[in-house]
C-alpha cells in the first residue's frame, strides 16, 4: 500500500491509502477527490486526470509514453514540466508518499 497526497488548487490536502496495482487516478476517484474527472476511465484518451507531480518526485516515476505525451499537449490547464496523466501512474510501493497538485480545471 502507498500513501498519496492530493493538493487542491486552493492548497487543501487529502492524503489517502492507495492499493498497489491501481492508479493515482483510480485512487482519487475511489476517495472522492475533487479535481480528477477521468472521463475515459483511465485509457489516456481525455486528459481529465491531469496532475502536477511534486518536482522532487517526478524523476522517480516511469517515463512518459508517446500517447501520454500527446494527451498532455491538450490539457485544459497549462502543461508544466511536471505534468502527468494520473491514469498512467501505477500505484506501487515505490511511489509511497507521492504528492500531486490538481490543476485549476480538467474540462
Protein backbone atom coordinates (compact mmCIF):
# COMPACT_ATOMS: atom_id res chain seq x y z
CA UNK A 1 0.00 0.00 0.00
CA UNK A 2 1.15 3.52 -0.74
CA UNK A 3 0.00 6.89 0.53
CA UNK A 4 -0.77 9.66 -1.95
CA UNK A 5 -1.43 13.30 -1.14
CA UNK A 6 -3.67 15.29 -3.48
CA UNK A 7 -3.37 19.06 -3.17
CA UNK A 8 -6.25 21.19 -4.45
CA UNK A 9 -5.63 24.44 -6.34
CA UNK A 10 -6.57 26.23 -3.10
CA UNK A 11 -3.94 24.29 -1.12
CA UNK A 12 -6.19 21.83 0.75
CA UNK A 13 -4.55 18.43 1.14
CA UNK A 14 -6.13 14.97 1.16
CA UNK A 15 -3.83 12.04 1.94
CA UNK A 16 -5.23 8.60 1.19
CA UNK A 17 -4.11 4.97 1.12
CA UNK A 18 -3.77 3.56 -2.38
CA UNK A 19 -3.96 -0.08 -3.37
CA UNK A 20 -0.98 -1.40 -5.30
CA UNK A 21 -1.95 -2.21 -8.87
CA UNK A 22 -4.38 0.70 -9.02
CA UNK A 23 -3.55 4.12 -10.47
CA UNK A 24 -3.28 7.57 -8.99
CA UNK A 25 -6.45 8.48 -10.94
CA UNK A 26 -8.48 5.49 -9.74
CA UNK A 27 -7.36 6.13 -6.16
CA UNK A 28 -8.61 9.72 -6.44
CA UNK A 29 -11.97 8.60 -7.82
CA UNK A 30 -12.35 5.89 -5.14
CA UNK A 31 -11.71 8.50 -2.46
CA UNK A 32 -13.92 11.26 -3.90
CA UNK A 33 -11.01 13.60 -4.54
CA UNK A 34 -12.37 16.67 -6.30
CA UNK A 35 -10.46 17.79 -9.35
CA UNK A 36 -9.89 14.41 -11.02
CA UNK A 37 -12.54 13.57 -13.61
CA UNK A 38 -11.22 10.59 -15.57
CA UNK A 39 -13.85 10.73 -18.31
CA UNK A 40 -12.20 8.00 -20.39
CA UNK A 41 -11.86 5.59 -17.47
CA UNK A 42 -8.09 5.62 -17.43
CA UNK A 43 -7.33 4.99 -21.10
CA UNK A 44 -5.26 8.16 -21.64
CA UNK A 45 -7.80 9.49 -24.14
CA UNK A 46 -9.22 12.58 -22.44
CA UNK A 47 -6.59 14.33 -20.25
CA UNK A 48 -9.17 14.95 -17.49
CA UNK A 49 -6.90 13.36 -14.89
CA UNK A 50 -4.02 15.79 -15.43
CA UNK A 51 -1.89 16.43 -12.33
CA UNK A 52 1.31 18.20 -11.41
CA UNK A 53 3.67 15.78 -9.66
CA UNK A 54 5.83 17.17 -6.88
CA UNK A 55 9.01 18.13 -8.70
CA UNK A 56 11.27 16.29 -6.24
CA UNK A 57 9.39 13.05 -7.03
CA UNK A 58 8.87 13.48 -10.77
CA UNK A 59 12.09 11.80 -11.92
CA UNK A 60 11.28 8.70 -9.85
CA UNK A 61 8.23 7.89 -11.98
CA UNK A 62 8.29 5.75 -15.11
CA UNK A 63 8.93 7.75 -18.29
CA UNK A 64 6.06 9.36 -20.19
CA UNK A 65 4.89 7.20 -23.10
CA UNK A 66 4.26 8.77 -26.53
CA UNK A 67 0.47 8.56 -26.19
CA UNK A 68 0.58 10.29 -22.79
CA UNK A 69 2.89 12.93 -24.24
CA UNK A 70 0.28 13.70 -26.91
CA UNK A 71 -2.56 13.99 -24.39
CA UNK A 72 -0.53 16.28 -22.13
CA UNK A 73 -0.43 18.73 -25.03
CA UNK A 74 -4.24 19.14 -24.91
CA UNK A 75 -4.90 19.57 -21.17
CA UNK A 76 -7.32 22.27 -20.03
CA UNK A 77 -4.87 23.76 -17.56
CA UNK A 78 -1.38 24.67 -18.73
CA UNK A 79 1.09 21.86 -19.16
CA UNK A 80 4.18 22.17 -16.98
CA UNK A 81 7.46 20.28 -16.83
CA UNK A 82 6.00 18.13 -14.02
CA UNK A 83 2.65 17.36 -15.70
CA UNK A 84 1.43 13.78 -15.88
CA UNK A 85 -1.84 11.96 -16.51
CA UNK A 86 -2.72 10.34 -13.20
CA UNK A 87 -4.26 7.37 -15.04
CA UNK A 88 -0.77 6.49 -16.25
CA UNK A 89 0.88 6.44 -12.82
CA UNK A 90 0.58 2.96 -11.34
CA UNK A 91 0.46 2.60 -7.59
CA UNK A 92 3.48 0.71 -6.28
CA UNK A 93 5.43 0.84 -3.04
CA UNK A 94 7.96 3.00 -4.90
CA UNK A 95 5.52 5.93 -5.07
CA UNK A 96 4.64 5.87 -1.37
CA UNK A 97 4.41 9.49 -0.23
CA UNK A 98 3.67 10.84 -3.72
CA UNK A 99 2.31 14.39 -3.78
CA UNK A 100 0.26 15.57 -6.74
CA UNK A 101 -1.22 19.01 -7.23
CA UNK A 102 -4.51 19.33 -9.04
CA UNK A 103 -4.88 21.90 -11.82
CA UNK A 104 -7.47 24.67 -11.84
CA UNK A 105 -9.64 22.84 -14.38
CA UNK A 106 -9.94 19.49 -16.13
CA UNK A 107 -12.77 20.26 -18.52
